[in-house]
N, C-alpha and C. Protein backbone atom coordinates (compact mmCIF):
# COMPACT_ATOMS: atom_id res chain seq x y z
N UNK A 1 101.39 132.39 91.80
CA UNK A 1 100.17 131.72 92.31
C UNK A 1 99.86 130.46 91.48
N UNK A 2 99.71 129.34 92.10
CA UNK A 2 99.45 128.06 91.33
C UNK A 2 97.93 127.91 91.20
N UNK A 3 97.55 127.63 89.97
CA UNK A 3 96.12 127.44 89.71
C UNK A 3 95.75 125.95 89.82
N UNK A 4 94.60 125.64 90.40
CA UNK A 4 94.14 124.26 90.49
C UNK A 4 93.42 123.92 89.17
N UNK A 5 93.59 122.67 88.80
CA UNK A 5 92.84 122.15 87.66
C UNK A 5 91.41 121.97 88.06
N UNK A 6 90.46 122.37 87.22
CA UNK A 6 89.07 122.13 87.46
C UNK A 6 88.75 120.77 86.94
N UNK A 7 88.32 119.89 87.82
CA UNK A 7 87.98 118.50 87.46
C UNK A 7 86.51 118.43 86.97
N UNK A 8 86.35 117.82 85.78
CA UNK A 8 85.01 117.64 85.23
C UNK A 8 84.44 116.37 85.94
N UNK A 9 83.66 116.65 86.95
CA UNK A 9 83.12 115.52 87.72
C UNK A 9 81.88 116.00 88.46
N UNK A 10 80.84 115.25 88.55
CA UNK A 10 79.64 115.69 89.23
C UNK A 10 79.84 115.96 90.71
N UNK A 11 79.10 116.99 91.22
CA UNK A 11 79.07 117.19 92.65
C UNK A 11 77.74 116.62 93.08
N UNK A 12 77.73 115.83 94.14
CA UNK A 12 76.51 115.13 94.55
C UNK A 12 76.13 115.66 95.96
N UNK A 13 74.97 116.27 96.08
CA UNK A 13 74.61 116.88 97.36
C UNK A 13 73.67 116.00 98.13
N UNK A 14 73.90 115.89 99.43
CA UNK A 14 72.96 115.23 100.30
C UNK A 14 72.63 116.23 101.44
N UNK A 15 71.70 115.90 102.27
CA UNK A 15 71.37 116.82 103.37
C UNK A 15 72.53 117.01 104.31
N UNK A 16 73.35 116.00 104.50
CA UNK A 16 74.36 116.00 105.52
C UNK A 16 75.74 116.37 104.97
N UNK A 17 76.03 116.11 103.72
CA UNK A 17 77.36 116.37 103.14
C UNK A 17 77.25 116.48 101.68
N UNK A 18 78.38 116.83 101.07
CA UNK A 18 78.50 117.00 99.63
C UNK A 18 79.64 116.02 99.20
N UNK A 19 79.42 115.27 98.11
CA UNK A 19 80.48 114.55 97.47
C UNK A 19 80.97 115.43 96.39
N UNK A 20 82.23 115.81 96.55
CA UNK A 20 82.81 116.76 95.58
C UNK A 20 84.19 116.30 95.12
N UNK A 21 84.69 116.75 93.95
CA UNK A 21 86.02 116.33 93.49
C UNK A 21 87.06 116.79 94.53
N UNK A 22 88.17 116.06 94.50
CA UNK A 22 89.30 116.42 95.39
C UNK A 22 89.93 117.73 94.95
N UNK A 23 90.54 118.36 95.87
CA UNK A 23 91.36 119.57 95.62
C UNK A 23 92.64 119.48 96.40
N UNK A 24 93.63 120.22 95.99
CA UNK A 24 94.99 120.16 96.60
C UNK A 24 94.93 120.41 98.14
N UNK A 25 93.98 121.29 98.59
CA UNK A 25 93.88 121.59 100.02
C UNK A 25 93.34 120.41 100.84
N UNK A 26 92.92 119.32 100.19
CA UNK A 26 92.46 118.15 100.92
C UNK A 26 93.67 117.26 101.39
N UNK A 27 94.79 117.53 100.86
CA UNK A 27 95.92 116.58 101.10
C UNK A 27 96.21 116.36 102.57
N UNK A 28 96.23 117.47 103.35
CA UNK A 28 96.55 117.29 104.79
C UNK A 28 95.64 116.34 105.51
N UNK A 29 94.30 116.50 105.35
CA UNK A 29 93.32 115.63 106.02
C UNK A 29 93.44 114.20 105.45
N UNK A 30 93.53 114.08 104.14
CA UNK A 30 93.61 112.72 103.55
C UNK A 30 94.86 112.00 104.13
N UNK A 31 95.98 112.72 104.18
CA UNK A 31 97.17 112.06 104.72
C UNK A 31 97.02 111.73 106.18
N UNK A 32 96.43 112.61 106.98
CA UNK A 32 96.22 112.32 108.37
C UNK A 32 95.41 111.07 108.57
N UNK A 33 94.29 111.01 107.87
CA UNK A 33 93.38 109.85 108.07
C UNK A 33 93.95 108.54 107.52
N UNK A 34 94.58 108.62 106.32
CA UNK A 34 95.08 107.41 105.71
C UNK A 34 96.35 106.91 106.44
N UNK A 35 96.99 107.74 107.23
CA UNK A 35 98.12 107.31 108.05
C UNK A 35 97.70 106.43 109.20
N UNK A 36 96.41 106.42 109.49
CA UNK A 36 95.88 105.56 110.56
C UNK A 36 95.84 104.12 110.04
N UNK A 37 96.59 103.24 110.70
CA UNK A 37 96.70 101.85 110.28
C UNK A 37 95.33 101.20 110.12
N UNK A 38 94.35 101.57 110.95
CA UNK A 38 92.99 100.92 110.88
C UNK A 38 92.36 101.28 109.58
N UNK A 39 92.63 102.46 108.97
CA UNK A 39 92.05 102.83 107.69
C UNK A 39 92.80 102.10 106.59
N UNK A 40 94.15 102.17 106.59
CA UNK A 40 94.98 101.57 105.55
C UNK A 40 94.77 100.06 105.45
N UNK A 41 94.62 99.37 106.59
CA UNK A 41 94.50 97.92 106.56
C UNK A 41 93.18 97.44 105.97
N UNK A 42 92.20 98.29 105.83
CA UNK A 42 90.92 97.88 105.27
C UNK A 42 90.76 98.25 103.80
N UNK A 43 91.91 98.71 103.19
CA UNK A 43 91.90 99.04 101.79
C UNK A 43 92.95 98.18 101.06
N UNK A 44 92.78 98.10 99.76
CA UNK A 44 93.76 97.37 98.95
C UNK A 44 94.98 98.27 98.64
N UNK A 45 94.71 99.55 98.49
CA UNK A 45 95.76 100.41 97.87
C UNK A 45 96.50 101.42 98.75
N UNK A 46 96.00 101.65 99.99
CA UNK A 46 96.68 102.62 100.85
C UNK A 46 97.85 101.95 101.58
N UNK A 47 99.08 102.40 101.42
CA UNK A 47 100.23 101.85 102.08
C UNK A 47 100.28 102.28 103.56
N UNK A 48 100.96 101.48 104.38
CA UNK A 48 101.16 101.91 105.76
C UNK A 48 102.54 101.48 106.15
N UNK A 49 103.36 102.38 106.61
CA UNK A 49 103.10 103.85 106.70
C UNK A 49 102.97 104.52 105.34
N UNK A 50 102.34 105.66 105.31
CA UNK A 50 102.15 106.42 104.03
C UNK A 50 103.50 107.04 103.65
N UNK A 51 104.04 106.65 102.51
CA UNK A 51 105.33 107.23 102.10
C UNK A 51 105.26 108.69 101.76
N UNK A 52 106.30 109.40 101.97
CA UNK A 52 106.30 110.87 101.57
C UNK A 52 105.93 111.02 100.07
N UNK A 53 105.10 111.94 99.82
CA UNK A 53 104.71 112.27 98.42
C UNK A 53 103.55 111.41 97.85
N UNK A 54 103.21 110.35 98.53
CA UNK A 54 102.16 109.47 97.94
C UNK A 54 100.78 110.11 97.98
N UNK A 55 100.45 110.88 99.01
CA UNK A 55 99.13 111.51 99.06
C UNK A 55 99.07 112.58 97.97
N UNK A 56 100.14 113.33 97.78
CA UNK A 56 100.13 114.40 96.73
C UNK A 56 99.97 113.70 95.37
N UNK A 57 100.69 112.60 95.13
CA UNK A 57 100.55 111.85 93.85
C UNK A 57 99.12 111.35 93.64
N UNK A 58 98.50 110.87 94.74
CA UNK A 58 97.13 110.36 94.63
C UNK A 58 96.16 111.51 94.25
N UNK A 59 96.29 112.62 94.96
CA UNK A 59 95.37 113.74 94.69
C UNK A 59 95.62 114.33 93.24
N UNK A 60 96.84 114.35 92.84
CA UNK A 60 97.18 114.78 91.46
C UNK A 60 96.52 113.90 90.43
N UNK A 61 96.63 112.56 90.65
CA UNK A 61 95.96 111.57 89.69
C UNK A 61 94.44 111.82 89.74
N UNK A 62 93.88 111.98 90.96
CA UNK A 62 92.46 112.21 91.05
C UNK A 62 91.92 113.47 90.34
N UNK A 63 92.85 114.44 90.22
CA UNK A 63 92.48 115.71 89.55
C UNK A 63 92.84 115.80 88.10
N UNK A 64 93.48 114.74 87.61
CA UNK A 64 93.92 114.75 86.20
C UNK A 64 92.68 114.69 85.21
N UNK A 65 92.85 115.31 84.07
CA UNK A 65 91.79 115.27 83.09
C UNK A 65 91.56 113.88 82.55
N UNK A 66 92.61 113.17 82.25
CA UNK A 66 92.53 111.78 81.76
C UNK A 66 92.74 110.86 82.96
N UNK A 67 91.69 110.15 83.39
CA UNK A 67 91.81 109.22 84.52
C UNK A 67 90.79 108.11 84.38
N UNK A 68 91.04 107.03 85.08
CA UNK A 68 90.09 105.94 84.99
C UNK A 68 89.26 105.82 86.28
N UNK A 69 89.50 106.75 87.21
CA UNK A 69 88.86 106.73 88.50
C UNK A 69 88.40 108.11 88.89
N UNK A 70 87.13 108.29 89.26
CA UNK A 70 86.67 109.56 89.82
C UNK A 70 86.61 109.42 91.31
N UNK A 71 87.21 110.38 92.04
CA UNK A 71 87.28 110.34 93.50
C UNK A 71 86.56 111.53 94.05
N UNK A 72 85.73 111.30 95.03
CA UNK A 72 84.99 112.35 95.73
C UNK A 72 85.36 112.43 97.17
N UNK A 73 85.44 113.64 97.74
CA UNK A 73 85.64 113.84 99.18
C UNK A 73 84.21 113.87 99.76
N UNK A 74 84.06 113.19 100.88
CA UNK A 74 82.84 113.33 101.68
C UNK A 74 82.96 114.56 102.54
N UNK A 75 82.43 115.69 102.02
CA UNK A 75 82.64 117.00 102.63
C UNK A 75 81.46 117.41 103.49
N UNK A 76 81.69 117.48 104.80
CA UNK A 76 80.60 117.81 105.72
C UNK A 76 80.57 119.28 106.08
N UNK A 77 81.24 120.10 105.38
CA UNK A 77 81.40 121.53 105.67
C UNK A 77 79.99 122.19 105.76
N UNK A 78 79.10 121.85 104.90
CA UNK A 78 77.75 122.52 104.87
C UNK A 78 76.97 122.28 106.15
N UNK A 79 77.25 121.21 106.88
CA UNK A 79 76.57 120.98 108.12
C UNK A 79 77.47 121.10 109.37
N UNK A 80 78.59 121.87 109.18
CA UNK A 80 79.43 122.12 110.30
C UNK A 80 80.49 121.06 110.51
N UNK A 81 80.60 120.11 109.58
CA UNK A 81 81.58 119.03 109.70
C UNK A 81 82.87 119.31 109.06
N UNK A 82 83.71 118.31 109.02
CA UNK A 82 85.05 118.48 108.42
C UNK A 82 84.90 118.51 106.90
N UNK A 83 85.89 119.12 106.24
CA UNK A 83 85.87 119.18 104.76
C UNK A 83 86.19 117.84 104.12
N UNK A 84 86.85 116.96 104.87
CA UNK A 84 87.11 115.60 104.42
C UNK A 84 86.80 114.67 105.54
N UNK A 85 85.75 113.87 105.32
CA UNK A 85 85.36 112.89 106.37
C UNK A 85 85.69 111.46 105.88
N UNK A 86 86.03 111.35 104.59
CA UNK A 86 86.34 110.14 103.96
C UNK A 86 86.36 110.37 102.47
N UNK A 87 86.67 109.35 101.73
CA UNK A 87 86.68 109.42 100.23
C UNK A 87 85.83 108.30 99.69
N UNK A 88 85.25 108.50 98.49
CA UNK A 88 84.56 107.46 97.79
C UNK A 88 84.91 107.59 96.30
N UNK A 89 85.01 106.47 95.61
CA UNK A 89 85.48 106.56 94.24
C UNK A 89 84.69 105.57 93.36
N UNK A 90 84.73 105.83 92.07
CA UNK A 90 84.23 104.95 91.00
C UNK A 90 85.34 104.76 90.02
N UNK A 91 85.67 103.54 89.76
CA UNK A 91 86.66 103.19 88.78
C UNK A 91 85.98 102.59 87.56
N UNK A 92 86.24 103.18 86.39
CA UNK A 92 85.63 102.68 85.15
C UNK A 92 86.08 101.29 84.80
N UNK A 93 85.17 100.40 84.49
CA UNK A 93 85.44 99.11 84.03
C UNK A 93 84.87 98.87 82.60
N UNK A 94 85.11 97.82 81.98
CA UNK A 94 84.55 97.57 80.67
C UNK A 94 83.06 97.15 80.80
N UNK A 95 82.35 97.08 79.73
CA UNK A 95 80.98 96.62 79.66
C UNK A 95 80.03 97.50 80.49
N UNK A 96 80.25 98.85 80.49
CA UNK A 96 79.31 99.79 81.14
C UNK A 96 79.19 99.51 82.64
N UNK A 97 80.35 99.24 83.25
CA UNK A 97 80.34 98.87 84.71
C UNK A 97 81.45 99.77 85.44
N UNK A 98 81.23 99.88 86.74
CA UNK A 98 82.24 100.57 87.51
C UNK A 98 82.39 99.87 88.92
N UNK A 99 83.52 100.18 89.53
CA UNK A 99 83.74 99.60 90.89
C UNK A 99 83.78 100.73 91.90
N UNK A 100 83.06 100.54 93.04
CA UNK A 100 82.97 101.51 94.09
C UNK A 100 84.03 101.17 95.11
N UNK A 101 84.73 102.18 95.59
CA UNK A 101 85.68 102.06 96.68
C UNK A 101 85.46 103.17 97.63
N UNK A 102 85.68 102.97 98.93
CA UNK A 102 85.45 104.05 99.93
C UNK A 102 86.22 103.73 101.25
N UNK A 103 86.52 104.80 101.91
CA UNK A 103 86.96 104.71 103.30
C UNK A 103 86.42 105.94 104.06
N UNK A 104 86.19 105.71 105.34
CA UNK A 104 85.68 106.81 106.18
C UNK A 104 86.68 106.99 107.31
N UNK A 105 86.95 108.24 107.64
CA UNK A 105 87.92 108.54 108.76
C UNK A 105 87.36 108.06 110.09
N UNK A 106 88.21 107.52 110.93
CA UNK A 106 87.72 106.98 112.22
C UNK A 106 86.83 107.84 113.03
N UNK A 107 86.99 109.21 113.07
CA UNK A 107 86.07 109.94 113.90
C UNK A 107 84.61 109.85 113.42
N UNK A 108 84.44 109.42 112.17
CA UNK A 108 83.10 109.38 111.60
C UNK A 108 82.56 107.89 111.43
N UNK A 109 83.27 106.94 111.99
CA UNK A 109 82.79 105.57 111.97
C UNK A 109 81.52 105.45 112.75
N UNK A 110 80.68 104.52 112.36
CA UNK A 110 79.37 104.21 113.06
C UNK A 110 78.43 105.37 113.07
N UNK A 111 78.48 106.21 112.05
CA UNK A 111 77.59 107.41 111.98
C UNK A 111 76.69 107.25 110.77
N UNK A 112 76.80 106.17 109.96
CA UNK A 112 75.95 106.02 108.78
C UNK A 112 76.57 106.79 107.58
N UNK A 113 77.73 107.38 107.75
CA UNK A 113 78.29 108.21 106.68
C UNK A 113 78.61 107.31 105.45
N UNK A 114 79.22 106.17 105.62
CA UNK A 114 79.54 105.29 104.47
C UNK A 114 78.31 104.89 103.71
N UNK A 115 77.28 104.46 104.46
CA UNK A 115 76.03 104.08 103.80
C UNK A 115 75.39 105.26 103.05
N UNK A 116 75.40 106.40 103.66
CA UNK A 116 74.81 107.58 102.96
C UNK A 116 75.61 107.94 101.75
N UNK A 117 76.96 107.81 101.80
CA UNK A 117 77.77 108.20 100.64
C UNK A 117 77.58 107.19 99.53
N UNK A 118 77.59 105.88 99.82
CA UNK A 118 77.37 104.87 98.79
C UNK A 118 75.99 105.03 98.15
N UNK A 119 74.99 105.27 98.99
CA UNK A 119 73.62 105.39 98.51
C UNK A 119 73.54 106.65 97.61
N UNK A 120 74.15 107.74 97.97
CA UNK A 120 74.15 108.94 97.17
C UNK A 120 74.80 108.66 95.80
N UNK A 121 75.92 107.96 95.82
CA UNK A 121 76.59 107.66 94.57
C UNK A 121 75.77 106.75 93.69
N UNK A 122 75.18 105.78 94.26
CA UNK A 122 74.28 104.87 93.51
C UNK A 122 73.13 105.62 92.86
N UNK A 123 72.48 106.42 93.70
CA UNK A 123 71.33 107.23 93.12
C UNK A 123 71.76 108.18 92.04
N UNK A 124 72.89 108.86 92.21
CA UNK A 124 73.37 109.77 91.18
C UNK A 124 73.88 109.10 89.96
N UNK A 125 74.50 107.88 90.14
CA UNK A 125 75.07 107.13 88.99
C UNK A 125 75.76 108.04 87.99
N UNK A 126 76.80 108.78 88.45
CA UNK A 126 77.40 109.81 87.62
C UNK A 126 78.02 109.32 86.38
N UNK A 127 78.38 108.05 86.28
CA UNK A 127 78.94 107.53 85.03
C UNK A 127 77.91 106.87 84.16
N UNK A 128 76.65 106.89 84.62
CA UNK A 128 75.54 106.27 83.93
C UNK A 128 75.82 104.82 83.50
N UNK A 129 76.39 104.09 84.44
CA UNK A 129 76.77 102.71 84.20
C UNK A 129 75.57 101.76 84.56
N UNK A 130 75.54 100.59 84.03
CA UNK A 130 74.46 99.67 84.23
C UNK A 130 74.69 98.85 85.56
N UNK A 131 75.95 98.69 85.98
CA UNK A 131 76.25 97.90 87.15
C UNK A 131 77.41 98.50 87.93
N UNK A 132 77.28 98.46 89.26
CA UNK A 132 78.45 98.84 90.15
C UNK A 132 78.82 97.57 90.89
N UNK A 133 80.11 97.43 91.08
CA UNK A 133 80.67 96.37 91.86
C UNK A 133 81.40 96.96 93.08
N UNK A 134 81.59 96.11 94.03
CA UNK A 134 82.46 96.50 95.20
C UNK A 134 82.94 95.24 95.86
N UNK A 135 84.12 95.33 96.49
CA UNK A 135 84.58 94.18 97.26
C UNK A 135 85.15 94.71 98.56
N UNK A 136 85.01 93.92 99.61
CA UNK A 136 85.48 94.27 100.93
C UNK A 136 86.26 93.14 101.51
N UNK A 137 87.19 93.44 102.35
CA UNK A 137 87.94 92.34 103.04
C UNK A 137 86.97 91.62 104.03
N UNK A 138 87.13 90.33 104.10
CA UNK A 138 86.22 89.58 104.94
C UNK A 138 86.37 89.86 106.39
N UNK A 139 87.43 90.52 106.83
CA UNK A 139 87.58 90.93 108.24
C UNK A 139 87.01 92.37 108.44
N UNK A 140 86.17 92.85 107.48
CA UNK A 140 85.54 94.16 107.59
C UNK A 140 84.03 93.96 107.38
N UNK A 141 83.36 93.29 108.28
CA UNK A 141 81.87 93.06 108.04
C UNK A 141 81.09 94.35 108.13
N UNK A 142 81.55 95.39 108.78
CA UNK A 142 80.83 96.68 108.76
C UNK A 142 80.72 97.21 107.33
N UNK A 143 81.77 97.09 106.54
CA UNK A 143 81.74 97.59 105.16
C UNK A 143 80.80 96.73 104.29
N UNK A 144 80.75 95.44 104.60
CA UNK A 144 79.85 94.52 103.90
C UNK A 144 78.39 94.92 104.17
N UNK A 145 78.15 95.31 105.41
CA UNK A 145 76.78 95.73 105.79
C UNK A 145 76.37 97.00 105.05
N UNK A 146 77.33 97.93 104.82
CA UNK A 146 77.11 99.15 104.10
C UNK A 146 76.60 98.78 102.70
N UNK A 147 77.27 97.86 102.03
CA UNK A 147 76.89 97.49 100.68
C UNK A 147 75.51 96.83 100.62
N UNK A 148 75.30 95.86 101.51
CA UNK A 148 73.93 95.21 101.49
C UNK A 148 72.82 96.24 101.81
N UNK A 149 73.11 97.11 102.75
CA UNK A 149 72.13 98.13 103.11
C UNK A 149 71.78 99.03 101.91
N UNK A 150 72.77 99.19 100.93
CA UNK A 150 72.57 100.04 99.79
C UNK A 150 72.13 99.20 98.49
N UNK A 151 71.67 97.97 98.76
CA UNK A 151 71.07 97.23 97.71
C UNK A 151 72.08 96.38 96.87
N UNK A 152 73.29 96.33 97.33
CA UNK A 152 74.29 95.42 96.60
C UNK A 152 73.99 93.99 97.02
N UNK A 153 74.21 93.05 96.07
CA UNK A 153 73.96 91.68 96.29
C UNK A 153 75.30 90.96 96.32
N UNK A 154 75.43 90.00 97.21
CA UNK A 154 76.61 89.19 97.31
C UNK A 154 76.86 88.35 96.06
N UNK A 155 78.03 88.38 95.48
CA UNK A 155 78.39 87.57 94.32
C UNK A 155 79.22 86.39 94.65
N UNK A 156 80.18 86.56 95.59
CA UNK A 156 81.02 85.43 95.91
C UNK A 156 82.33 85.88 96.61
N UNK A 157 83.15 84.89 96.92
CA UNK A 157 84.40 85.15 97.60
C UNK A 157 85.50 85.26 96.61
N UNK A 158 86.49 86.06 96.91
CA UNK A 158 87.65 86.23 96.07
C UNK A 158 88.80 86.61 97.00
N UNK A 159 89.84 87.21 96.42
CA UNK A 159 90.91 87.74 97.29
C UNK A 159 91.53 88.92 96.57
N UNK A 160 92.18 89.77 97.38
CA UNK A 160 92.82 90.98 96.83
C UNK A 160 94.03 91.22 97.63
N UNK A 161 95.03 91.81 96.97
CA UNK A 161 96.27 92.13 97.64
C UNK A 161 96.12 93.45 98.42
N UNK A 162 96.53 93.52 99.63
CA UNK A 162 96.53 94.72 100.48
C UNK A 162 97.95 95.25 100.59
N UNK A 163 98.20 96.42 100.11
CA UNK A 163 99.51 97.01 100.16
C UNK A 163 99.93 97.22 101.62
N UNK A 164 99.02 97.76 102.45
CA UNK A 164 99.38 98.01 103.87
C UNK A 164 99.72 96.68 104.58
N UNK A 165 99.02 95.65 104.32
CA UNK A 165 99.26 94.34 104.98
C UNK A 165 100.37 93.54 104.32
N UNK A 166 100.73 93.90 103.09
CA UNK A 166 101.72 93.20 102.26
C UNK A 166 101.29 91.69 102.21
N UNK A 167 99.99 91.52 101.93
CA UNK A 167 99.48 90.15 101.90
C UNK A 167 98.21 90.11 101.03
N UNK A 168 97.87 88.91 100.60
CA UNK A 168 96.63 88.70 99.85
C UNK A 168 95.58 88.42 100.94
N UNK A 169 94.45 89.07 100.80
CA UNK A 169 93.34 89.04 101.85
C UNK A 169 92.09 88.50 101.27
N UNK A 170 91.37 87.58 101.89
CA UNK A 170 90.06 87.14 101.39
C UNK A 170 89.06 88.27 101.31
N UNK A 171 88.31 88.31 100.25
CA UNK A 171 87.25 89.38 100.07
C UNK A 171 85.91 88.75 99.80
N UNK A 172 84.90 89.56 99.95
CA UNK A 172 83.54 89.36 99.51
C UNK A 172 83.27 90.33 98.38
N UNK A 173 82.68 89.86 97.28
CA UNK A 173 82.37 90.71 96.17
C UNK A 173 80.88 90.92 96.04
N UNK A 174 80.45 92.12 95.71
CA UNK A 174 79.08 92.54 95.62
C UNK A 174 78.76 93.24 94.31
N UNK A 175 77.54 93.21 93.87
CA UNK A 175 77.18 94.00 92.63
C UNK A 175 75.83 94.64 92.87
N UNK A 176 75.58 95.69 92.12
CA UNK A 176 74.26 96.36 92.19
C UNK A 176 73.95 96.77 90.74
N UNK A 177 72.79 96.27 90.27
CA UNK A 177 72.29 96.69 88.96
C UNK A 177 71.62 98.10 89.09
N UNK A 178 71.88 98.92 88.11
CA UNK A 178 71.34 100.27 88.17
C UNK A 178 70.31 100.53 87.09
């Protein structure tokens, strides 16, 4: 019997869902959702198609004791929803800052899930950082609305490489003082 590593990471509860550390049993849903081109194309790091073993490697990194990114599953199980409706993460940066990243599975688009998850993470501020940053591709205005709805302020334009698109994509960058 293989034992799972217990990840030292806050669990953040909302009325609708729980943000909880990833576990090995999440791999099937994560791979199913990230295999959707519409999800992969709106992220910098998810490849399309998803190569064999990459989801397992991602979950293993997220569960490691030494890591620079904390990843939470948006788990709707407590309200009768799916155990993985999307993921949200915080990557540690220097100067008491972190970067927020997230994706929501297509069945849960336009339900307010992303806004609720970002707001819950901001309110919990599990890393006790002074500032959170986020950037979104400019062809994803819905994600930009999530950030402004959650109190993030526009900083400027930049660009980021998208693995799925194999291209550099224009981005909007936002920050939120905590």
